[in-house]
Amino acid sequence: MDLNDTKELLLKRRTELTGDLAKIEDSLDDPMPKDWEDRASERQGDEVLEALGNADLDELRRIDAALSRIEKGTYGICVKCGDPISEERLQAVPTTPLCRNCA
């Protein structure tokens, strides 16, 4: 996989995540129902949405870091030991900053 393909893949996923986060934020801003049981159910749903949003934010940070490494010319180099990250690992986890040994 070439670097431009990787960058395109990461940017596409970033766009998906920002769209998902906007939907989650919009849903969390909905007013609470007046009925107590409905409100309890809504709060549980909000907790799930918040957890999903946090997972999306974590992935977004990893994508931004990978894109930054691409721009700096350090993508594919382990940030811990400086060794190259295998092509197989980068294909499996394109946002990884670590080689298999350091992970």
PDB file of N, CA and C in Angstrom:
ATOM      1  N   MET A   1       0.866  -1.187   0.000  1.00  0.00           N
ATOM      2  CA  MET A   1       0.000   0.000   0.000  1.00  0.00           C
ATOM      3  C   MET A   1       0.899   1.232   0.000  1.00  0.00           C
ATOM      4  N   ASP A   2       0.624   2.130  -0.877  1.00  0.00           N
ATOM      5  CA  ASP A   2       1.460   3.313  -0.960  1.00  0.00           C
ATOM      6  C   ASP A   2       0.969   4.393   0.010  1.00  0.00           C
ATOM      7  N   LEU A   3       1.846   5.335   0.297  1.00  0.00           N
ATOM      8  CA  LEU A   3       1.582   6.358   1.314  1.00  0.00           C
ATOM      9  C   LEU A   3       0.363   7.213   0.982  1.00  0.00           C
ATOM     10  N   ASN A   4       0.174   7.517  -0.304  1.00  0.00           N
ATOM     11  CA  ASN A   4      -1.003   8.304  -0.696  1.00  0.00           C
ATOM     12  C   ASN A   4      -2.294   7.533  -0.452  1.00  0.00           C
ATOM     13  N   ASP A   5      -2.268   6.216  -0.706  1.00  0.00           N
ATOM     14  CA  ASP A   5      -3.440   5.383  -0.431  1.00  0.00           C
ATOM     15  C   ASP A   5      -3.746   5.361   1.061  1.00  0.00           C
ATOM     16  N   THR A   6      -2.692   5.244   1.861  1.00  0.00           N
ATOM     17  CA  THR A   6      -2.858   5.231   3.317  1.00  0.00           C
ATOM     18  C   THR A   6      -3.444   6.553   3.785  1.00  0.00           C
ATOM     19  N   LYS A   7      -2.907   7.650   3.282  1.00  0.00           N
ATOM     20  CA  LYS A   7      -3.397   8.974   3.669  1.00  0.00           C
ATOM     21  C   LYS A   7      -4.867   9.131   3.285  1.00  0.00           C
ATOM     22  N   GLU A   8      -5.216   8.686   2.084  1.00  0.00           N
ATOM     23  CA  GLU A   8      -6.602   8.764   1.623  1.00  0.00           C
ATOM     24  C   GLU A   8      -7.526   7.926   2.514  1.00  0.00           C
ATOM     25  N   LEU A   9      -7.083   6.727   2.872  1.00  0.00           N
ATOM     26  CA  LEU A   9      -7.846   5.851   3.755  1.00  0.00           C
ATOM     27  C   LEU A   9      -8.069   6.510   5.113  1.00  0.00           C
ATOM     28  N   LEU A  10      -7.008   7.093   5.672  1.00  0.00           N
ATOM     29  CA  LEU A  10      -7.109   7.753   6.977  1.00  0.00           C
ATOM     30  C   LEU A  10      -8.031   8.971   6.917  1.00  0.00           C
ATOM     31  N   LEU A  11      -7.927   9.745   5.851  1.00  0.00           N
ATOM     32  CA  LEU A  11      -8.789  10.927   5.714  1.00  0.00           C
ATOM     33  C   LEU A  11     -10.260  10.529   5.560  1.00  0.00           C
ATOM     34  N   LYS A  12     -10.506   9.448   4.827  1.00  0.00           N
ATOM     35  CA  LYS A  12     -11.876   8.963   4.662  1.00  0.00           C
ATOM     36  C   LYS A  12     -12.453   8.528   6.009  1.00  0.00           C
ATOM     37  N   ARG A  13     -11.665   7.777   6.765  1.00  0.00           N
ATOM     38  CA  ARG A  13     -12.122   7.325   8.087  1.00  0.00           C
ATOM     39  C   ARG A  13     -12.327   8.514   9.025  1.00  0.00           C
ATOM     40  N   ARG A  14     -11.463   9.518   8.907  1.00  0.00           N
ATOM     41  CA  ARG A  14     -11.591  10.723   9.736  1.00  0.00           C
ATOM     42  C   ARG A  14     -12.922  11.428   9.448  1.00  0.00           C
ATOM     43  N   THR A  15     -13.284  11.513   8.185  1.00  0.00           N
ATOM     44  CA  THR A  15     -14.544  12.128   7.793  1.00  0.00           C
ATOM     45  C   THR A  15     -15.729  11.356   8.368  1.00  0.00           C
ATOM     46  N   GLU A  16     -15.664  10.021   8.297  1.00  0.00           N
ATOM     47  CA  GLU A  16     -16.729   9.189   8.876  1.00  0.00           C
ATOM     48  C   GLU A  16     -16.863   9.438  10.376  1.00  0.00           C
ATOM     49  N   LEU A  17     -15.742   9.480  11.066  1.00  0.00           N
ATOM     50  CA  LEU A  17     -15.761   9.672  12.517  1.00  0.00           C
ATOM     51  C   LEU A  17     -16.314  11.037  12.910  1.00  0.00           C
ATOM     52  N   THR A  18     -15.917  12.076  12.195  1.00  0.00           N
ATOM     53  CA  THR A  18     -16.420  13.411  12.542  1.00  0.00           C
ATOM     54  C   THR A  18     -17.926  13.487  12.297  1.00  0.00           C
ATOM     55  N   GLY A  19     -18.408  12.807  11.268  1.00  0.00           N
ATOM     56  CA  GLY A  19     -19.854  12.739  11.032  1.00  0.00           C
ATOM     57  C   GLY A  19     -20.570  11.997  12.147  1.00  0.00           C
ATOM     58  N   ASP A  20     -19.995  10.864  12.564  1.00  0.00           N
ATOM     59  CA  ASP A  20     -20.577  10.093  13.673  1.00  0.00           C
ATOM     60  C   ASP A  20     -20.602  10.913  14.953  1.00  0.00           C
ATOM     61  N   LEU A  21     -19.510  11.621  15.223  1.00  0.00           N
ATOM     62  CA  LEU A  21     -19.432  12.432  16.445  1.00  0.00           C
ATOM     63  C   LEU A  21     -20.469  13.551  16.431  1.00  0.00           C
ATOM     64  N   ALA A  22     -20.690  14.140  15.265  1.00  0.00           N
ATOM     65  CA  ALA A  22     -21.698  15.195  15.160  1.00  0.00           C
ATOM     66  C   ALA A  22     -23.090  14.632  15.453  1.00  0.00           C
ATOM     67  N   LYS A  23     -23.379  13.433  14.942  1.00  0.00           N
ATOM     68  CA  LYS A  23     -24.676  12.799  15.211  1.00  0.00           C
ATOM     69  C   LYS A  23     -24.831  12.476  16.693  1.00  0.00           C
ATOM     70  N   ILE A  24     -23.761  11.970  17.304  1.00  0.00           N
ATOM     71  CA  ILE A  24     -23.806  11.633  18.733  1.00  0.00           C
ATOM     72  C   ILE A  24     -24.042  12.895  19.551  1.00  0.00           C
ATOM     73  N   GLU A  25     -23.313  13.948  19.242  1.00  0.00           N
ATOM     74  CA  GLU A  25     -23.470  15.206  19.976  1.00  0.00           C
ATOM     75  C   GLU A  25     -24.886  15.753  19.830  1.00  0.00           C
ATOM     76  N   ASP A  26     -25.427  15.666  18.623  1.00  0.00           N
ATOM     77  CA  ASP A  26     -26.789  16.133  18.380  1.00  0.00           C
ATOM     78  C   ASP A  26     -27.793  15.320  19.195  1.00  0.00           C
ATOM     79  N   SER A  27     -27.589  14.019  19.230  1.00  0.00           N
ATOM     80  CA  SER A  27     -28.487  13.145  19.979  1.00  0.00           C
ATOM     81  C   SER A  27     -28.401  13.413  21.479  1.00  0.00           C
ATOM     82  N   LEU A  28     -27.202  13.672  21.974  1.00  0.00           N
ATOM     83  CA  LEU A  28     -27.028  13.952  23.404  1.00  0.00           C
ATOM     84  C   LEU A  28     -27.648  15.291  23.798  1.00  0.00           C
ATOM     85  N   ASP A  29     -27.814  16.184  22.824  1.00  0.00           N
ATOM     86  CA  ASP A  29     -28.415  17.489  23.099  1.00  0.00           C
ATOM     87  C   ASP A  29     -29.941  17.462  23.106  1.00  0.00           C
ATOM     88  N   ASP A  30     -30.531  16.324  22.713  1.00  0.00           N
ATOM     89  CA  ASP A  30     -31.993  16.230  22.719  1.00  0.00           C
ATOM     90  C   ASP A  30     -32.530  16.416  24.136  1.00  0.00           C
ATOM     91  N   PRO A  31     -33.692  17.078  24.288  1.00  0.00           N
ATOM     92  CA  PRO A  31     -34.261  17.255  25.627  1.00  0.00           C
ATOM     93  C   PRO A  31     -34.694  15.912  26.225  1.00  0.00           C
ATOM     94  N   MET A  32     -34.622  15.830  27.550  1.00  0.00           N
ATOM     95  CA  MET A  32     -35.019  14.609  28.262  1.00  0.00           C
ATOM     96  C   MET A  32     -36.540  14.481  28.266  1.00  0.00           C
ATOM     97  N   PRO A  33     -37.041  13.246  28.150  1.00  0.00           N
ATOM     98  CA  PRO A  33     -38.489  13.034  28.239  1.00  0.00           C
ATOM     99  C   PRO A  33     -38.990  13.331  29.663  1.00  0.00           C
ATOM    100  N   LYS A  34     -40.266  13.654  29.783  1.00  0.00           N
ATOM    101  CA  LYS A  34     -40.831  13.974  31.098  1.00  0.00           C
ATOM    102  C   LYS A  34     -41.120  12.728  31.921  1.00  0.00           C
ATOM    103  N   ASP A  35     -41.441  11.632  31.251  1.00  0.00           N
ATOM    104  CA  ASP A  35     -41.749  10.384  31.944  1.00  0.00           C
ATOM    105  C   ASP A  35     -40.482   9.820  32.581  1.00  0.00           C
ATOM    106  N   TRP A  36     -40.590   9.403  33.865  1.00  0.00           N
ATOM    107  CA  TRP A  36     -39.435   8.942  34.619  1.00  0.00           C
ATOM    108  C   TRP A  36     -38.790   7.714  33.981  1.00  0.00           C
ATOM    109  N   GLU A  37     -39.591   6.733  33.579  1.00  0.00           N
ATOM    110  CA  GLU A  37     -39.044   5.512  32.979  1.00  0.00           C
ATOM    111  C   GLU A  37     -38.374   5.808  31.638  1.00  0.00           C
ATOM    112  N   ASP A  38     -38.998   6.657  30.862  1.00  0.00           N
ATOM    113  CA  ASP A  38     -38.394   7.045  29.590  1.00  0.00           C
ATOM    114  C   ASP A  38     -37.082   7.794  29.821  1.00  0.00           C
ATOM    115  N   ARG A  39     -37.059   8.616  30.870  1.00  0.00           N
ATOM    116  CA  ARG A  39     -35.861   9.386  31.192  1.00  0.00           C
ATOM    117  C   ARG A  39     -34.711   8.448  31.592  1.00  0.00           C
ATOM    118  N   ALA A  40     -35.019   7.426  32.404  1.00  0.00           N
ATOM    119  CA  ALA A  40     -33.992   6.466  32.822  1.00  0.00           C
ATOM    120  C   ALA A  40     -33.433   5.729  31.608  1.00  0.00           C
ATOM    121  N   SER A  41     -34.320   5.348  30.718  1.00  0.00           N
ATOM    122  CA  SER A  41     -33.910   4.660  29.506  1.00  0.00           C
ATOM    123  C   SER A  41     -33.043   5.579  28.626  1.00  0.00           C
ATOM    124  N   GLU A  42     -33.442   6.829  28.556  1.00  0.00           N
ATOM    125  CA  GLU A  42     -32.700   7.823  27.773  1.00  0.00           C
ATOM    126  C   GLU A  42     -31.294   8.030  28.347  1.00  0.00           C
ATOM    127  N   ARG A  43     -31.187   8.045  29.677  1.00  0.00           N
ATOM    128  CA  ARG A  43     -29.869   8.216  30.302  1.00  0.00           C
ATOM    129  C   ARG A  43     -28.955   7.043  29.989  1.00  0.00           C
ATOM    130  N   GLN A  44     -29.506   5.828  29.997  1.00  0.00           N
ATOM    131  CA  GLN A  44     -28.691   4.662  29.637  1.00  0.00           C
ATOM    132  C   GLN A  44     -28.201   4.790  28.198  1.00  0.00           C
ATOM    133  N   GLY A  45     -29.100   5.215  27.333  1.00  0.00           N
ATOM    134  CA  GLY A  45     -28.716   5.414  25.934  1.00  0.00           C
ATOM    135  C   GLY A  45     -27.647   6.477  25.792  1.00  0.00           C
ATOM    136  N   ASP A  46     -27.766   7.532  26.592  1.00  0.00           N
ATOM    137  CA  ASP A  46     -26.759   8.594  26.556  1.00  0.00           C
ATOM    138  C   ASP A  46     -25.395   8.084  27.003  1.00  0.00           C
ATOM    139  N   GLU A  47     -25.378   7.203  28.015  1.00  0.00           N
ATOM    140  CA  GLU A  47     -24.109   6.651  28.477  1.00  0.00           C
ATOM    141  C   GLU A  47     -23.441   5.828  27.374  1.00  0.00           C
ATOM    142  N   VAL A  48     -24.249   5.075  26.655  1.00  0.00           N
ATOM    143  CA  VAL A  48     -23.716   4.288  25.533  1.00  0.00           C
ATOM    144  C   VAL A  48     -23.175   5.226  24.451  1.00  0.00           C
ATOM    145  N   LEU A  49     -23.944   6.265  24.131  1.00  0.00           N
ATOM    146  CA  LEU A  49     -23.502   7.222  23.121  1.00  0.00           C
ATOM    147  C   LEU A  49     -22.209   7.920  23.543  1.00  0.00           C
ATOM    148  N   GLU A  50     -22.112   8.278  24.814  1.00  0.00           N
ATOM    149  CA  GLU A  50     -20.890   8.924  25.298  1.00  0.00           C
ATOM    150  C   GLU A  50     -19.692   7.988  25.175  1.00  0.00           C
ATOM    151  N   ALA A  51     -19.878   6.720  25.496  1.00  0.00           N
ATOM    152  CA  ALA A  51     -18.791   5.744  25.374  1.00  0.00           C
ATOM    153  C   ALA A  51     -18.373   5.601  23.906  1.00  0.00           C
ATOM    154  N   LEU A  52     -19.358   5.541  23.013  1.00  0.00           N
ATOM    155  CA  LEU A  52     -19.048   5.459  21.584  1.00  0.00           C
ATOM    156  C   LEU A  52     -18.323   6.716  21.121  1.00  0.00           C
ATOM    157  N   GLY A  53     -18.786   7.857  21.603  1.00  0.00           N
ATOM    158  CA  GLY A  53     -18.146   9.123  21.246  1.00  0.00           C
ATOM    159  C   GLY A  53     -16.705   9.172  21.725  1.00  0.00           C
ATOM    160  N   ASN A  54     -16.446   8.692  22.936  1.00  0.00           N
ATOM    161  CA  ASN A  54     -15.080   8.679  23.459  1.00  0.00           C
ATOM    162  C   ASN A  54     -14.187   7.749  22.645  1.00  0.00           C
ATOM    163  N   ALA A  55     -14.724   6.599  22.245  1.00  0.00           N
ATOM    164  CA  ALA A  55     -13.955   5.670  21.405  1.00  0.00           C
ATOM    165  C   ALA A  55     -13.647   6.318  20.052  1.00  0.00           C
ATOM    166  N   ASP A  56     -14.641   7.016  19.494  1.00  0.00           N
ATOM    167  CA  ASP A  56     -14.428   7.710  18.220  1.00  0.00           C
ATOM    168  C   ASP A  56     -13.375   8.805  18.364  1.00  0.00           C
ATOM    169  N   LEU A  57     -13.411   9.541  19.481  1.00  0.00           N
ATOM    170  CA  LEU A  57     -12.416  10.594  19.713  1.00  0.00           C
ATOM    171  C   LEU A  57     -11.007  10.012  19.825  1.00  0.00           C
ATOM    172  N   ASP A  58     -10.891   8.875  20.500  1.00  0.00           N
ATOM    173  CA  ASP A  58      -9.585   8.219  20.606  1.00  0.00           C
ATOM    174  C   ASP A  58      -9.068   7.821  19.229  1.00  0.00           C
ATOM    175  N   GLU A  59      -9.947   7.249  18.418  1.00  0.00           N
ATOM    176  CA  GLU A  59      -9.537   6.852  17.069  1.00  0.00           C
ATOM    177  C   GLU A  59      -9.170   8.078  16.233  1.00  0.00           C
ATOM    178  N   LEU A  60      -9.930   9.151  16.399  1.00  0.00           N
ATOM    179  CA  LEU A  60      -9.653  10.391  15.674  1.00  0.00           C
ATOM    180  C   LEU A  60      -8.267  10.932  16.040  1.00  0.00           C
ATOM    181  N   ARG A  61      -7.914  10.866  17.307  1.00  0.00           N
ATOM    182  CA  ARG A  61      -6.576  11.318  17.746  1.00  0.00           C
ATOM    183  C   ARG A  61      -5.476  10.455  17.117  1.00  0.00           C
ATOM    184  N   ARG A  62      -5.712   9.136  17.063  1.00  0.00           N
ATOM    185  CA  ARG A  62      -4.717   8.251  16.454  1.00  0.00           C
ATOM    186  C   ARG A  62      -4.567   8.541  14.956  1.00  0.00           C
ATOM    187  N   ILE A  63      -5.690   8.825  14.299  1.00  0.00           N
ATOM    188  CA  ILE A  63      -5.650   9.159  12.868  1.00  0.00           C
ATOM    189  C   ILE A  63      -4.892  10.458  12.655  1.00  0.00           C
ATOM    190  N   ASP A  64      -5.194  11.474  13.465  1.00  0.00           N
ATOM    191  CA  ASP A  64      -4.499  12.759  13.321  1.00  0.00           C
ATOM    192  C   ASP A  64      -3.001  12.610  13.554  1.00  0.00           C
ATOM    193  N   ALA A  65      -2.621  11.778  14.521  1.00  0.00           N
ATOM    194  CA  ALA A  65      -1.199  11.541  14.783  1.00  0.00           C
ATOM    195  C   ALA A  65      -0.542  10.838  13.595  1.00  0.00           C
ATOM    196  N   ALA A  66      -1.241   9.864  13.013  1.00  0.00           N
ATOM    197  CA  ALA A  66      -0.699   9.159  11.849  1.00  0.00           C
ATOM    198  C   ALA A  66      -0.560  10.105  10.658  1.00  0.00           C
ATOM    199  N   LEU A  67      -1.556  10.950  10.448  1.00  0.00           N
ATOM    200  CA  LEU A  67      -1.484  11.928   9.357  1.00  0.00           C
ATOM    201  C   LEU A  67      -0.322  12.895   9.577  1.00  0.00           C
ATOM    202  N   SER A  68      -0.101  13.267  10.808  1.00  0.00           N
ATOM    203  CA  SER A  68       1.028  14.142  11.137  1.00  0.00           C
ATOM    204  C   SER A  68       2.360  13.455  10.824  1.00  0.00           C
ATOM    205  N   ARG A  69       2.467  12.166  11.163  1.00  0.00           N
ATOM    206  CA  ARG A  69       3.686  11.421  10.846  1.00  0.00           C
ATOM    207  C   ARG A  69       3.889  11.310   9.336  1.00  0.00           C
ATOM    208  N   ILE A  70       2.799  11.173   8.594  1.00  0.00           N
ATOM    209  CA  ILE A  70       2.906  11.134   7.126  1.00  0.00           C
ATOM    210  C   ILE A  70       3.481  12.463   6.628  1.00  0.00           C
ATOM    211  N   GLU A  71       2.944  13.564   7.128  1.00  0.00           N
ATOM    212  CA  GLU A  71       3.401  14.892   6.697  1.00  0.00           C
ATOM    213  C   GLU A  71       4.871  15.127   7.069  1.00  0.00           C
ATOM    214  N   LYS A  72       5.287  14.625   8.229  1.00  0.00           N
ATOM    215  CA  LYS A  72       6.673  14.813   8.691  1.00  0.00           C
ATOM    216  C   LYS A  72       7.649  13.834   8.044  1.00  0.00           C
ATOM    217  N   GLY A  73       7.110  12.822   7.366  1.00  0.00           N
ATOM    218  CA  GLY A  73       7.963  11.825   6.736  1.00  0.00           C
ATOM    219  C   GLY A  73       8.435  10.742   7.689  1.00  0.00           C
ATOM    220  N   THR A  74       7.763  10.617   8.837  1.00  0.00           N
ATOM    221  CA  THR A  74       8.172   9.608   9.822  1.00  0.00           C
ATOM    222  C   THR A  74       7.176   8.464   9.933  1.00  0.00           C
ATOM    223  N   TYR A  75       6.169   8.451   9.067  1.00  0.00           N
ATOM    224  CA  TYR A  75       5.175   7.370   9.092  1.00  0.00           C
ATOM    225  C   TYR A  75       5.862   6.057   8.752  1.00  0.00           C
ATOM    226  N   GLY A  76       5.548   5.024   9.514  1.00  0.00           N
ATOM    227  CA  GLY A  76       6.137   3.711   9.270  1.00  0.00           C
ATOM    228  C   GLY A  76       7.423   3.482  10.039  1.00  0.00           C
ATOM    229  N   ILE A  77       7.790   4.462  10.861  1.00  0.00           N
ATOM    230  CA  ILE A  77       8.973   4.331  11.707  1.00  0.00           C
ATOM    231  C   ILE A  77       8.492   4.333  13.155  1.00  0.00           C
ATOM    232  N   CYS A  78       8.905   3.326  13.918  1.00  0.00           N
ATOM    233  CA  CYS A  78       8.474   3.193  15.306  1.00  0.00           C
ATOM    234  C   CYS A  78       8.923   4.415  16.115  1.00  0.00           C
ATOM    235  N   VAL A  79       7.985   5.027  16.826  1.00  0.00           N
ATOM    236  CA  VAL A  79       8.304   6.217  17.616  1.00  0.00           C
ATOM    237  C   VAL A  79       9.109   5.865  18.866  1.00  0.00           C
ATOM    238  N   LYS A  80       9.120   4.599  19.233  1.00  0.00           N
ATOM    239  CA  LYS A  80       9.829   4.178  20.448  1.00  0.00           C
ATOM    240  C   LYS A  80      11.277   3.774  20.153  1.00  0.00           C
ATOM    241  N   CYS A  81      11.466   2.887  19.170  1.00  0.00           N
ATOM    242  CA  CYS A  81      12.814   2.365  18.923  1.00  0.00           C
ATOM    243  C   CYS A  81      13.450   2.883  17.631  1.00  0.00           C
ATOM    244  N   GLY A  82      12.639   3.449  16.729  1.00  0.00           N
ATOM    245  CA  GLY A  82      13.168   3.970  15.478  1.00  0.00           C
ATOM    246  C   GLY A  82      13.297   2.959  14.360  1.00  0.00           C
ATOM    247  N   ASP A  83      12.927   1.701  14.626  1.00  0.00           N
ATOM    248  CA  ASP A  83      12.968   0.676  13.583  1.00  0.00           C
ATOM    249  C   ASP A  83      11.753   0.821  12.659  1.00  0.00           C
ATOM    250  N   PRO A  84      11.871   0.305  11.436  1.00  0.00           N
ATOM    251  CA  PRO A  84      10.715   0.332  10.537  1.00  0.00           C
ATOM    252  C   PRO A  84       9.573  -0.541  11.074  1.00  0.00           C
ATOM    253  N   ILE A  85       8.348  -0.085  10.841  1.00  0.00           N
ATOM    254  CA  ILE A  85       7.151  -0.867  11.173  1.00  0.00           C
ATOM    255  C   ILE A  85       6.834  -1.706   9.939  1.00  0.00           C
ATOM    256  N   SER A  86       6.556  -2.986  10.147  1.00  0.00           N
ATOM    257  CA  SER A  86       6.323  -3.873   9.002  1.00  0.00           C
ATOM    258  C   SER A  86       5.102  -3.429   8.202  1.00  0.00           C
ATOM    259  N   GLU A  87       5.178  -3.694   6.909  1.00  0.00           N
ATOM    260  CA  GLU A  87       4.072  -3.361   5.997  1.00  0.00           C
ATOM    261  C   GLU A  87       2.792  -4.064   6.438  1.00  0.00           C
ATOM    262  N   GLU A  88       2.917  -5.308   6.877  1.00  0.00           N
ATOM    263  CA  GLU A  88       1.747  -6.071   7.324  1.00  0.00           C
ATOM    264  C   GLU A  88       1.074  -5.389   8.517  1.00  0.00           C
ATOM    265  N   ARG A  89       1.891  -4.920   9.469  1.00  0.00           N
ATOM    266  CA  ARG A  89       1.342  -4.242  10.651  1.00  0.00           C
ATOM    267  C   ARG A  89       0.659  -2.934  10.257  1.00  0.00           C
ATOM    268  N   LEU A  90       1.275  -2.184   9.363  1.00  0.00           N
ATOM    269  CA  LEU A  90       0.685  -0.914   8.923  1.00  0.00           C
ATOM    270  C   LEU A  90      -0.625  -1.142   8.168  1.00  0.00           C
ATOM    271  N   GLN A  91      -0.694  -2.235   7.420  1.00  0.00           N
ATOM    272  CA  GLN A  91      -1.944  -2.532   6.723  1.00  0.00           C
ATOM    273  C   GLN A  91      -3.028  -2.929   7.706  1.00  0.00           C
ATOM    274  N   ALA A  92      -2.657  -3.680   8.745  1.00  0.00           N
ATOM    275  CA  ALA A  92      -3.635  -4.127   9.736  1.00  0.00           C
ATOM    276  C   ALA A  92      -4.064  -2.987  10.648  1.00  0.00           C
ATOM    277  N   VAL A  93      -3.110  -2.132  11.047  1.00  0.00           N
ATOM    278  CA  VAL A  93      -3.384  -1.030  11.972  1.00  0.00           C
ATOM    279  C   VAL A  93      -2.685   0.221  11.416  1.00  0.00           C
ATOM    280  N   PRO A  94      -3.328   0.910  10.457  1.00  0.00           N
ATOM    281  CA  PRO A  94      -2.656   2.034   9.790  1.00  0.00           C
ATOM    282  C   PRO A  94      -2.294   3.199  10.717  1.00  0.00           C
ATOM    283  N   THR A  95      -2.894   3.250  11.899  1.00  0.00           N
ATOM    284  CA  THR A  95      -2.584   4.357  12.809  1.00  0.00           C
ATOM    285  C   THR A  95      -1.491   4.026  13.811  1.00  0.00           C
ATOM    286  N   THR A  96      -0.943   2.826  13.755  1.00  0.00           N
ATOM    287  CA  THR A  96       0.026   2.408  14.770  1.00  0.00           C
ATOM    288  C   THR A  96       1.294   3.247  14.738  1.00  0.00           C
ATOM    289  N   PRO A  97       1.737   3.705  15.913  1.00  0.00           N
ATOM    290  CA  PRO A  97       3.016   4.420  15.971  1.00  0.00           C
ATOM    291  C   PRO A  97       4.171   3.490  16.366  1.00  0.00           C
ATOM    292  N   LEU A  98       3.834   2.220  16.682  1.00  0.00           N
ATOM    293  CA  LEU A  98       4.827   1.300  17.226  1.00  0.00           C
ATOM    294  C   LEU A  98       5.012   0.058  16.355  1.00  0.00           C
ATOM    295  N   CYS A  99       6.250  -0.429  16.314  1.00  0.00           N
ATOM    296  CA  CYS A  99       6.512  -1.698  15.651  1.00  0.00           C
ATOM    297  C   CYS A  99       5.950  -2.823  16.529  1.00  0.00           C
ATOM    298  N   ARG A 100       5.944  -4.014  15.990  1.00  0.00           N
ATOM    299  CA  ARG A 100       5.377  -5.148  16.728  1.00  0.00           C
ATOM    300  C   ARG A 100       6.124  -5.408  18.031  1.00  0.00           C
ATOM    301  N   ASN A 101       7.427  -5.270  18.019  1.00  0.00           N
ATOM    302  CA  ASN A 101       8.220  -5.537  19.228  1.00  0.00           C
ATOM    303  C   ASN A 101       7.923  -4.525  20.345  1.00  0.00           C
ATOM    304  N   CYS A 102       7.729  -3.271  20.001  1.00  0.00           N
ATOM    305  CA  CYS A 102       7.486  -2.229  21.007  1.00  0.00           C
ATOM    306  C   CYS A 102       6.027  -2.199  21.460  1.00  0.00           C
ATOM    307  N   ALA A 103       5.146  -2.704  20.621  1.00  0.00           N
ATOM    308  CA  ALA A 103       3.731  -2.735  20.997  1.00  0.00           C
ATOM    309  C   ALA A 103       3.530  -3.814  22.007  1.00  0.00           C
TER     310      ALA A 103
END
